[in-house]
Amino acid sequence: MTASVGGTLLKRGRIIDPASGIDQIGDVFVRDGRIVEVGAELHHEGVQRIDCRGRLVLPGLIDTHAHVYQFVTGRFGLGADMCGVQSGVTTLIDQGGASCMTLPGFRHYVAGHAQSRVYAFLSAYLVGGLEGHFYPELYRPECVDVDATVKAALANADLVRGIKAHAELGGFARWGTEVMRASAEIGRQAGLPVYIHFGQLWPMPGQATFDVDPDTILEQVVDMLKPGDVLAHPFSRHPGGFVGTDGKIHPLAREAAARGLKIDVGHGSHFSYRMARTVLEAGIVPDTLGADMHGYNTQVPAPAGTPAEHPDQDHMFLGRVRFSLVSAMTSMLALGLPLEQVVRMATVNAAAMAGLADGAGTLRPGAPADITVLDDQRGRWVLRDNEGTQVVTERLLEPSFCLCGGQRFDASAPILPAAQVA
């Protein structure tokens, strides 16, 4: 028995910390913003006790694919804390919202003001993620400055954890591989992972400059990459990714891990249960799980004067919905992935992908007290993707609250979904 004054004691939850090899019913003691002790039965006096029986107590969840450069990216960017601590997520990695030109604003107005921890994968493009890449011509080769982007990344190494780029049919038909090659060069010079969007984003141009077979995109891009770079959207229903136009797994997809590349779900609007089954049945399991929520695929009010819809209609959910990183975790469980693996994707693996070496993604004593507590329910619920495919799950995860640096935040985000009972 130990005695201590002050702090918070999370009691009798199911503690899952893949980084420490822990999966047990027990307690977590937090004091002064740090994890002090994890054990089967802890006793501390003069502390706040929180009953976590029937709940999962996890390392603070890390969303590897967020879009939270609010207002600057128009309708596209969401509020960081709405996607973060108010949704049970302690750390967000914004994917490509900020560029070398707009990074100072991201640091001051987003990362500097959020109660969630926020990092950036810097856009390879000078304009960043304006309106979700609404205007294709802003992303042509002339709109990439390798030297300026490398300089910004290196000068802001505490904030910039990678580079964001796109390898997709609309861009390749316009410019070939030139933009992607420049993006890969930024990653090499900066010594950072490049996170690559696969699956069509931009509509095909009226007259294509290049004749592109979508089934050749993956092989062209993989040869440009280095170990640690990230292939995103393996479960996309769009051509040009892990599943070929013949409905079969791309042969090169199986070689990705062997080449040291990582794979991120990047759930979002393009997620397909049908494609996910094809990929998983081929033995390919993503390393990390990003939610990919943004202003075009969530039920949030659009800022005045921004577009009513996106030219990539698949950017928009059917009628737009509510979802979160935790509901994306439920989707993975519905696909048959074990809970421990799903937790690993959203914690220790995510921390490794972004090079977060400050104790993120674990409940080890001494680490920051970033903890997510989820309700773990049993029943029957209907899940639906943007193709209209429905699956029934018998397990539903929902955020209850989180601690970020030891401070409690209840799950109150308006975008959290209400599950549909089967």
Protein backbone atom coordinates (compact mmCIF):
# COMPACT_ATOMS: atom_id res chain seq x y z
CA MET A 1 0.00 0.00 0.00
CA THR A 2 1.20 3.48 -0.84
CA ALA A 3 -0.03 6.79 0.47
CA SER A 4 -0.04 10.09 -1.32
CA VAL A 5 -1.71 13.46 -1.07
CA GLY A 6 -3.27 15.07 -4.14
CA GLY A 7 -3.71 13.68 -7.59
CA THR A 8 -6.26 11.57 -9.46
CA LEU A 9 -6.83 7.84 -9.16
CA LEU A 10 -8.60 6.03 -12.01
CA LYS A 11 -10.08 2.91 -10.40
CA ARG A 12 -10.84 -0.58 -11.71
CA GLY A 13 -10.81 0.06 -15.46
CA ARG A 14 -9.45 -2.31 -18.08
CA ILE A 15 -6.01 -0.85 -18.67
CA ILE A 16 -4.59 -1.53 -22.13
CA ASP A 17 -1.13 -0.15 -22.85
CA PRO A 18 0.49 -2.03 -25.75
CA ALA A 19 3.74 -0.10 -25.30
CA SER A 20 4.12 -1.62 -21.82
CA GLY A 21 2.50 -4.99 -22.55
CA ILE A 22 -0.29 -4.27 -20.06
CA ASP A 23 -3.85 -5.58 -20.39
CA GLN A 24 -5.40 -5.89 -16.95
CA ILE A 25 -8.08 -4.62 -14.61
CA GLY A 26 -6.46 -2.06 -12.39
CA ASP A 27 -5.77 1.51 -11.37
CA VAL A 28 -3.79 4.46 -12.72
CA PHE A 29 -2.53 7.19 -10.40
CA VAL A 30 -1.83 10.66 -11.79
CA ARG A 31 -0.27 13.65 -10.06
CA ASP A 32 1.16 16.97 -11.25
CA GLY A 33 0.34 16.18 -14.87
CA ARG A 34 2.29 12.91 -14.91
CA ILE A 35 1.51 9.24 -14.59
CA VAL A 36 2.91 8.10 -11.27
CA GLU A 37 1.83 4.48 -10.92
CA VAL A 38 -0.10 1.73 -12.69
CA GLY A 39 -1.15 -1.34 -10.76
CA ALA A 40 -3.79 -3.90 -9.91
CA GLU A 41 -4.90 -2.22 -6.68
CA LEU A 42 -3.51 1.17 -5.73
CA HIS A 43 -4.29 3.00 -2.50
CA HIS A 44 -3.72 6.74 -2.15
CA GLU A 45 -5.20 9.11 0.38
CA GLY A 46 -6.51 12.60 -0.32
CA VAL A 47 -6.97 12.06 -4.05
CA GLN A 48 -9.83 12.34 -6.50
CA ARG A 49 -11.15 8.88 -7.31
CA ILE A 50 -12.86 8.13 -10.64
CA ASP A 51 -14.70 4.83 -11.00
CA CYS A 52 -13.74 3.31 -14.38
CA ARG A 53 -15.35 -0.10 -13.95
CA GLY A 54 -16.59 -1.46 -17.28
CA ARG A 55 -14.51 1.10 -19.19
CA LEU A 56 -11.27 0.97 -21.14
CA VAL A 57 -8.39 3.04 -19.76
CA LEU A 58 -5.95 3.70 -22.60
CA PRO A 59 -2.96 5.89 -23.38
CA GLY A 60 -4.22 9.19 -24.75
CA LEU A 61 -5.44 8.55 -28.29
CA ILE A 62 -3.46 10.08 -31.18
CA ASP A 63 -5.28 11.03 -34.38
CA THR A 64 -2.74 10.71 -37.19
CA HIS A 65 -4.99 12.42 -39.76
CA ALA A 66 -6.68 15.60 -38.54
CA HIS A 67 -7.69 18.79 -40.35
CA VAL A 68 -7.74 21.52 -37.72
CA TYR A 69 -6.38 24.68 -39.34
CA GLN A 70 -9.73 26.24 -38.58
CA PHE A 71 -10.88 29.29 -40.60
CA VAL A 72 -7.57 29.67 -42.48
CA THR A 73 -8.39 26.61 -44.60
CA GLY A 74 -11.96 27.85 -45.06
CA ARG A 75 -14.68 25.32 -44.51
CA PHE A 76 -12.17 22.46 -44.41
CA GLY A 77 -10.57 22.98 -41.00
CA LEU A 78 -12.36 21.99 -37.80
CA GLY A 79 -11.82 23.14 -34.23
CA ALA A 80 -8.84 21.39 -32.68
CA ASP A 81 -10.41 20.74 -29.30
CA MET A 82 -13.69 19.56 -30.83
CA CYS A 83 -11.73 16.86 -32.67
CA GLY A 84 -9.32 16.47 -29.79
CA VAL A 85 -9.99 16.46 -26.06
CA GLN A 86 -13.76 16.94 -26.46
CA SER A 87 -13.79 13.72 -28.51
CA GLY A 88 -11.56 11.73 -26.16
CA VAL A 89 -8.41 12.34 -28.25
CA THR A 90 -5.43 13.95 -26.56
CA THR A 91 -3.13 14.46 -29.58
CA LEU A 92 -3.86 15.60 -33.14
CA ILE A 93 -1.60 15.55 -36.19
CA ASP A 94 -2.89 18.01 -38.76
CA GLN A 95 -2.32 16.67 -42.26
CA GLY A 96 -1.28 19.40 -44.66
CA GLY A 97 -3.33 22.34 -43.45
CA ALA A 98 -0.30 24.55 -42.92
CA SER A 99 2.37 25.37 -45.51
CA CYS A 100 5.77 26.98 -45.20
CA MET A 101 3.97 30.33 -45.61
CA THR A 102 1.16 29.78 -43.10
CA LEU A 103 2.94 27.70 -40.45
CA PRO A 104 3.50 30.68 -38.10
CA GLY A 105 -0.27 31.21 -37.96
CA PHE A 106 -0.84 27.52 -37.28
CA ARG A 107 1.65 27.61 -34.43
CA HIS A 108 0.12 30.69 -32.83
CA TYR A 109 -3.61 30.30 -33.42
CA VAL A 110 -4.03 26.50 -33.38
CA ALA A 111 -1.21 24.68 -31.59
CA GLY A 112 -0.62 27.60 -29.24
CA HIS A 113 -4.24 27.93 -28.13
CA ALA A 114 -5.58 24.36 -28.17
CA GLN A 115 -5.94 22.37 -24.98
CA SER A 116 -5.25 19.28 -27.08
CA ARG A 117 -1.70 18.55 -28.16
CA VAL A 118 -1.38 19.53 -31.82
CA TYR A 119 1.37 18.78 -34.34
CA ALA A 120 1.65 19.30 -38.10
CA PHE A 121 2.59 17.36 -41.17
CA LEU A 122 3.54 20.36 -43.27
CA SER A 123 2.00 20.64 -46.72
CA ALA A 124 4.39 20.17 -49.61
CA TYR A 125 2.40 22.90 -51.42
CA LEU A 126 2.77 26.64 -50.86
CA VAL A 127 -0.97 27.08 -50.31
CA GLY A 128 -1.41 24.22 -47.86
CA GLY A 129 -4.84 22.64 -47.53
CA LEU A 130 -7.04 25.56 -48.59
CA GLU A 131 -10.67 24.41 -48.82
CA GLY A 132 -9.57 20.81 -48.86
CA HIS A 133 -7.55 21.25 -52.07
CA PHE A 134 -10.65 22.67 -53.76
CA TYR A 135 -8.76 24.31 -56.64
CA PRO A 136 -6.45 21.83 -58.40
CA GLU A 137 -4.36 24.44 -60.20
CA LEU A 138 -3.02 25.67 -56.86
CA TYR A 139 -1.21 22.33 -56.51
CA ARG A 140 0.74 22.26 -59.77
CA PRO A 141 4.56 21.92 -59.80
CA GLU A 142 5.09 25.69 -59.78
CA CYS A 143 3.30 25.83 -56.44
CA VAL A 144 5.90 23.71 -54.65
CA ASP A 145 9.04 25.28 -53.17
CA VAL A 146 11.35 22.54 -51.92
CA ASP A 147 13.92 24.82 -50.25
CA ALA A 148 11.37 27.01 -48.45
CA THR A 149 9.41 24.02 -47.16
CA VAL A 150 12.53 22.24 -45.90
CA LYS A 151 13.66 25.45 -44.18
CA ALA A 152 10.28 25.85 -42.44
CA ALA A 153 10.21 22.22 -41.34
CA LEU A 154 13.72 22.27 -39.88
CA ALA A 155 13.17 25.61 -38.12
CA ASN A 156 9.99 24.29 -36.48
CA ALA A 157 11.06 20.77 -35.62
CA ASP A 158 9.11 20.80 -32.35
CA LEU A 159 5.86 21.26 -34.27
CA VAL A 160 6.45 19.78 -37.74
CA ARG A 161 6.60 15.99 -37.60
CA GLY A 162 6.26 15.16 -41.30
CA ILE A 163 5.27 16.26 -44.81
CA LYS A 164 1.88 15.83 -46.53
CA ALA A 165 1.59 15.02 -50.25
CA HIS A 166 -0.83 13.47 -52.75
CA ALA A 167 -0.46 10.69 -55.29
CA GLU A 168 -3.75 10.53 -57.13
CA LEU A 169 -5.31 10.24 -60.54
CA GLY A 170 -6.43 13.86 -61.07
CA GLY A 171 -3.02 15.30 -60.21
CA PHE A 172 -1.02 12.70 -62.13
CA ALA A 173 -3.19 13.33 -65.23
CA ARG A 174 -2.34 17.05 -65.00
CA TRP A 175 1.34 17.05 -64.02
CA GLY A 176 2.67 13.52 -64.05
CA THR A 177 4.88 12.60 -61.11
CA GLU A 178 6.73 15.93 -60.81
CA VAL A 179 4.85 17.19 -57.74
CA MET A 180 5.16 13.86 -55.96
CA ARG A 181 8.90 13.72 -56.66
CA ALA A 182 9.33 17.20 -55.19
CA SER A 183 7.36 16.16 -52.10
CA ALA A 184 9.55 13.10 -51.61
CA GLU A 185 12.64 15.32 -51.93
CA ILE A 186 11.32 17.62 -49.19
CA GLY A 187 10.95 14.61 -46.92
CA ARG A 188 14.49 13.41 -47.68
CA GLN A 189 16.11 16.78 -47.09
CA ALA A 190 14.14 17.44 -43.91
CA GLY A 191 14.64 13.90 -42.61
CA LEU A 192 10.88 13.56 -42.05
CA PRO A 193 8.24 11.02 -43.06
CA VAL A 194 6.07 11.87 -46.05
CA TYR A 195 2.39 11.04 -45.63
CA ILE A 196 0.87 10.30 -49.05
CA HIS A 197 -2.81 10.44 -49.95
CA PHE A 198 -3.81 7.63 -52.33
CA GLY A 199 -7.14 7.46 -54.14
CA GLN A 200 -8.54 10.11 -56.45
CA LEU A 201 -8.97 13.59 -54.98
CA TRP A 202 -9.25 15.96 -57.95
CA PRO A 203 -11.68 15.46 -60.85
CA MET A 204 -10.04 14.54 -64.13
CA PRO A 205 -9.16 17.58 -66.26
CA GLY A 206 -11.07 18.26 -69.45
CA GLN A 207 -7.96 17.38 -71.41
CA ALA A 208 -5.40 15.29 -69.56
CA THR A 209 -1.73 16.14 -70.04
CA PHE A 210 -0.73 12.58 -69.15
CA ASP A 211 -2.49 9.29 -69.87
CA VAL A 212 -2.55 7.60 -66.45
CA ASP A 213 -3.47 4.02 -65.63
CA PRO A 214 -4.61 4.19 -61.98
CA ASP A 215 -3.11 0.76 -61.33
CA THR A 216 0.39 2.16 -62.03
CA ILE A 217 0.24 4.97 -59.48
CA LEU A 218 1.24 2.88 -56.45
CA GLU A 219 4.27 1.37 -58.18
CA GLN A 220 5.44 4.74 -59.49
CA VAL A 221 5.22 6.33 -56.06
CA VAL A 222 6.64 3.55 -53.90
CA ASP A 223 9.91 3.69 -55.80
CA MET A 224 10.29 7.36 -54.78
CA LEU A 225 9.85 6.75 -51.05
CA LYS A 226 12.09 5.99 -48.09
CA PRO A 227 11.51 3.80 -45.01
CA GLY A 228 9.13 5.49 -42.57
CA ASP A 229 7.06 7.22 -45.24
CA VAL A 230 3.33 6.61 -44.89
CA LEU A 231 0.84 5.27 -47.44
CA ALA A 232 -2.64 6.56 -46.56
CA HIS A 233 -6.18 5.40 -47.36
CA PRO A 234 -5.59 1.69 -48.05
CA PHE A 235 -9.35 1.13 -47.66
CA SER A 236 -10.34 3.81 -50.18
CA ARG A 237 -12.86 2.81 -52.81
CA HIS A 238 -11.18 5.15 -55.30
CA PRO A 239 -8.88 3.88 -58.05
CA GLY A 240 -5.16 4.33 -57.75
CA GLY A 241 -4.54 2.73 -54.38
CA PHE A 242 -4.19 -0.65 -52.72
CA VAL A 243 -7.03 -2.29 -54.67
CA GLY A 244 -6.75 -2.41 -58.45
CA THR A 245 -9.47 -1.69 -60.97
CA ASP A 246 -9.96 -5.46 -61.22
CA GLY A 247 -11.01 -5.56 -57.56
CA LYS A 248 -7.88 -7.44 -56.50
CA ILE A 249 -5.13 -6.35 -54.16
CA HIS A 250 -2.27 -4.54 -55.87
CA PRO A 251 0.78 -6.87 -55.84
CA LEU A 252 3.04 -4.10 -54.57
CA ALA A 253 0.81 -3.42 -51.56
CA ARG A 254 2.16 -6.54 -49.87
CA GLU A 255 5.73 -5.30 -50.27
CA ALA A 256 5.14 -1.98 -48.50
CA ALA A 257 6.03 -3.17 -45.02
CA ALA A 258 9.06 -5.05 -46.30
CA ARG A 259 10.33 -1.78 -47.77
CA GLY A 260 9.91 -0.08 -44.37
CA LEU A 261 6.83 1.91 -45.39
CA LYS A 262 3.97 2.45 -42.98
CA ILE A 263 0.23 2.36 -43.66
CA ASP A 264 -2.39 4.67 -42.14
CA VAL A 265 -6.15 4.00 -42.42
CA GLY A 266 -7.07 7.66 -42.94
CA HIS A 267 -10.74 6.75 -42.44
CA GLY A 268 -12.63 9.81 -43.68
CA SER A 269 -15.16 9.96 -46.50
CA HIS A 270 -13.47 7.52 -48.87
CA PHE A 271 -13.46 4.57 -46.45
CA SER A 272 -15.07 1.42 -47.84
CA TYR A 273 -15.93 -1.72 -45.86
CA ARG A 274 -15.80 -3.65 -49.11
CA MET A 275 -12.28 -2.51 -49.94
CA ALA A 276 -11.18 -2.93 -46.33
CA ARG A 277 -12.13 -6.60 -46.40
CA THR A 278 -10.16 -7.10 -49.63
CA VAL A 279 -7.06 -5.52 -48.11
CA LEU A 280 -7.31 -7.29 -44.76
CA GLU A 281 -7.94 -10.66 -46.38
CA ALA A 282 -4.68 -10.16 -48.26
CA GLY A 283 -2.93 -9.99 -44.88
CA ILE A 284 -2.28 -6.25 -44.98
CA VAL A 285 -3.05 -4.56 -41.67
CA PRO A 286 -2.49 -0.78 -41.31
CA ASP A 287 -0.05 0.45 -38.71
CA THR A 288 -2.03 3.52 -37.63
CA LEU A 289 -5.56 4.87 -37.65
CA GLY A 290 -6.37 8.47 -38.59
CA ALA A 291 -9.95 9.79 -38.52
CA ASP A 292 -9.69 12.27 -41.45
CA MET A 293 -12.56 14.46 -40.29
CA HIS A 294 -13.02 17.85 -41.93
CA GLY A 295 -15.66 20.45 -42.64
CA TYR A 296 -16.98 18.73 -45.75
CA ASN A 297 -17.71 15.38 -44.13
CA THR A 298 -18.99 16.34 -40.69
CA GLN A 299 -22.15 18.03 -39.48
CA VAL A 300 -20.70 21.40 -38.58
CA PRO A 301 -21.91 24.82 -39.75
CA ALA A 302 -20.01 26.09 -42.80
CA PRO A 303 -18.40 29.54 -42.52
CA ALA A 304 -20.29 32.15 -44.52
CA GLY A 305 -19.26 32.42 -48.16
CA THR A 306 -17.47 29.07 -48.37
CA PRO A 307 -18.43 26.49 -51.02
CA ALA A 308 -21.68 24.62 -50.57
CA GLU A 309 -20.04 21.42 -51.72
CA HIS A 310 -16.71 20.04 -52.89
CA PRO A 311 -15.96 19.15 -56.54
CA ASP A 312 -14.83 15.79 -55.22
CA GLN A 313 -18.29 14.69 -54.16
CA ASP A 314 -16.85 11.72 -52.33
CA HIS A 315 -15.28 14.24 -49.95
CA MET A 316 -18.81 14.60 -48.60
CA PHE A 317 -20.61 11.89 -46.68
CA LEU A 318 -24.16 11.11 -47.68
CA GLY A 319 -25.86 14.07 -46.03
CA ARG A 320 -22.72 14.44 -43.85
CA VAL A 321 -22.48 12.61 -40.58
CA ARG A 322 -20.95 12.70 -37.16
CA PHE A 323 -17.88 10.63 -36.44
CA SER A 324 -14.63 10.59 -34.53
CA LEU A 325 -11.41 8.69 -34.08
CA VAL A 326 -13.19 6.47 -31.56
CA SER A 327 -15.96 5.61 -34.02
CA ALA A 328 -13.21 4.76 -36.53
CA MET A 329 -11.86 2.36 -33.89
CA THR A 330 -15.30 0.74 -33.75
CA SER A 331 -15.16 0.32 -37.54
CA MET A 332 -11.87 -1.56 -37.19
CA LEU A 333 -13.38 -3.87 -34.57
CA ALA A 334 -16.34 -4.52 -36.88
CA LEU A 335 -13.84 -5.62 -39.54
CA GLY A 336 -12.49 -8.25 -37.15
CA LEU A 337 -9.30 -6.59 -35.88
CA PRO A 338 -8.63 -7.42 -32.21
CA LEU A 339 -9.03 -4.65 -29.66
CA GLU A 340 -5.38 -4.68 -28.58
CA GLN A 341 -4.29 -4.13 -32.18
CA VAL A 342 -6.74 -1.26 -32.68
CA VAL A 343 -5.51 0.39 -29.49
CA ARG A 344 -1.93 -0.05 -30.66
CA MET A 345 -2.79 1.69 -33.95
CA ALA A 346 -4.14 4.76 -32.13
CA THR A 347 -1.45 4.98 -29.44
CA VAL A 348 2.11 3.65 -29.55
CA ASN A 349 2.22 3.12 -33.33
CA ALA A 350 0.86 6.62 -33.94
CA ALA A 351 3.47 8.10 -31.61
CA ALA A 352 6.22 6.24 -33.46
CA MET A 353 4.94 7.37 -36.88
CA ALA A 354 5.18 11.02 -35.85
CA GLY A 355 8.38 10.64 -33.87
CA LEU A 356 6.76 11.70 -30.60
CA ALA A 357 9.41 10.64 -28.09
CA ASP A 358 8.11 12.51 -25.02
CA GLY A 359 6.09 9.64 -23.57
CA ALA A 360 3.16 9.93 -25.95
CA GLY A 361 1.20 6.75 -26.60
CA THR A 362 1.97 5.00 -23.32
CA LEU A 363 0.90 4.86 -19.67
CA ARG A 364 4.39 4.26 -18.34
CA PRO A 365 5.16 6.04 -15.05
CA GLY A 366 6.77 9.38 -15.75
CA ALA A 367 4.93 9.93 -19.02
CA PRO A 368 2.57 12.88 -19.40
CA ALA A 369 -0.85 12.08 -17.96
CA ASP A 370 -2.55 11.76 -21.34
CA ILE A 371 -5.23 9.12 -20.80
CA THR A 372 -8.38 8.23 -22.74
CA VAL A 373 -11.30 6.48 -21.05
CA LEU A 374 -13.81 4.76 -23.33
CA ASP A 375 -17.17 3.14 -22.72
CA ASP A 376 -17.07 -0.41 -24.08
CA GLN A 377 -20.61 -1.47 -24.89
CA ARG A 378 -22.14 -4.74 -26.12
CA GLY A 379 -25.25 -4.99 -28.28
CA ARG A 380 -26.04 -4.67 -31.97
CA TRP A 381 -25.45 -1.48 -33.94
CA VAL A 382 -25.50 -0.61 -37.64
CA LEU A 383 -22.43 1.03 -39.18
CA ARG A 384 -22.53 2.53 -42.67
CA ASP A 385 -19.88 3.78 -45.11
CA ASN A 386 -20.20 6.34 -47.88
CA GLU A 387 -20.92 3.63 -50.45
CA GLY A 388 -24.03 2.73 -48.49
CA THR A 389 -22.58 -0.57 -47.30
CA GLN A 390 -23.88 -1.54 -43.88
CA VAL A 391 -22.26 -3.79 -41.29
CA VAL A 392 -23.56 -4.83 -37.92
CA THR A 393 -21.22 -4.65 -34.96
CA GLU A 394 -21.75 -6.18 -31.54
CA ARG A 395 -19.19 -3.93 -29.87
CA LEU A 396 -19.33 -0.15 -29.68
CA LEU A 397 -16.64 2.16 -28.30
CA GLU A 398 -17.61 5.64 -27.19
CA PRO A 399 -15.45 8.30 -25.51
CA SER A 400 -16.30 9.05 -21.89
CA PHE A 401 -13.53 11.50 -20.95
CA CYS A 402 -9.81 12.03 -21.25
CA LEU A 403 -7.01 13.52 -19.25
CA CYS A 404 -4.56 15.71 -21.15
CA GLY A 405 -1.60 16.66 -19.04
CA GLY A 406 -3.68 15.53 -16.08
CA GLN A 407 -6.58 17.90 -16.82
CA ARG A 408 -9.96 16.25 -17.31
CA PHE A 409 -12.11 16.86 -20.40
CA ASP A 410 -15.50 15.18 -20.77
CA ALA A 411 -16.53 13.93 -24.21
CA SER A 412 -18.87 16.72 -25.27
CA ALA A 413 -18.06 17.34 -28.95
CA PRO A 414 -21.16 17.99 -31.11
CA ILE A 415 -19.71 15.77 -33.87
CA LEU A 416 -19.77 12.61 -31.73
CA PRO A 417 -22.10 10.08 -33.37
CA ALA A 418 -25.28 8.63 -31.94
CA ALA A 419 -25.13 4.91 -32.69
CA GLN A 420 -27.97 3.32 -34.69
CA VAL A 421 -29.31 0.23 -32.96
CA ALA A 422 -29.66 -2.78 -35.26
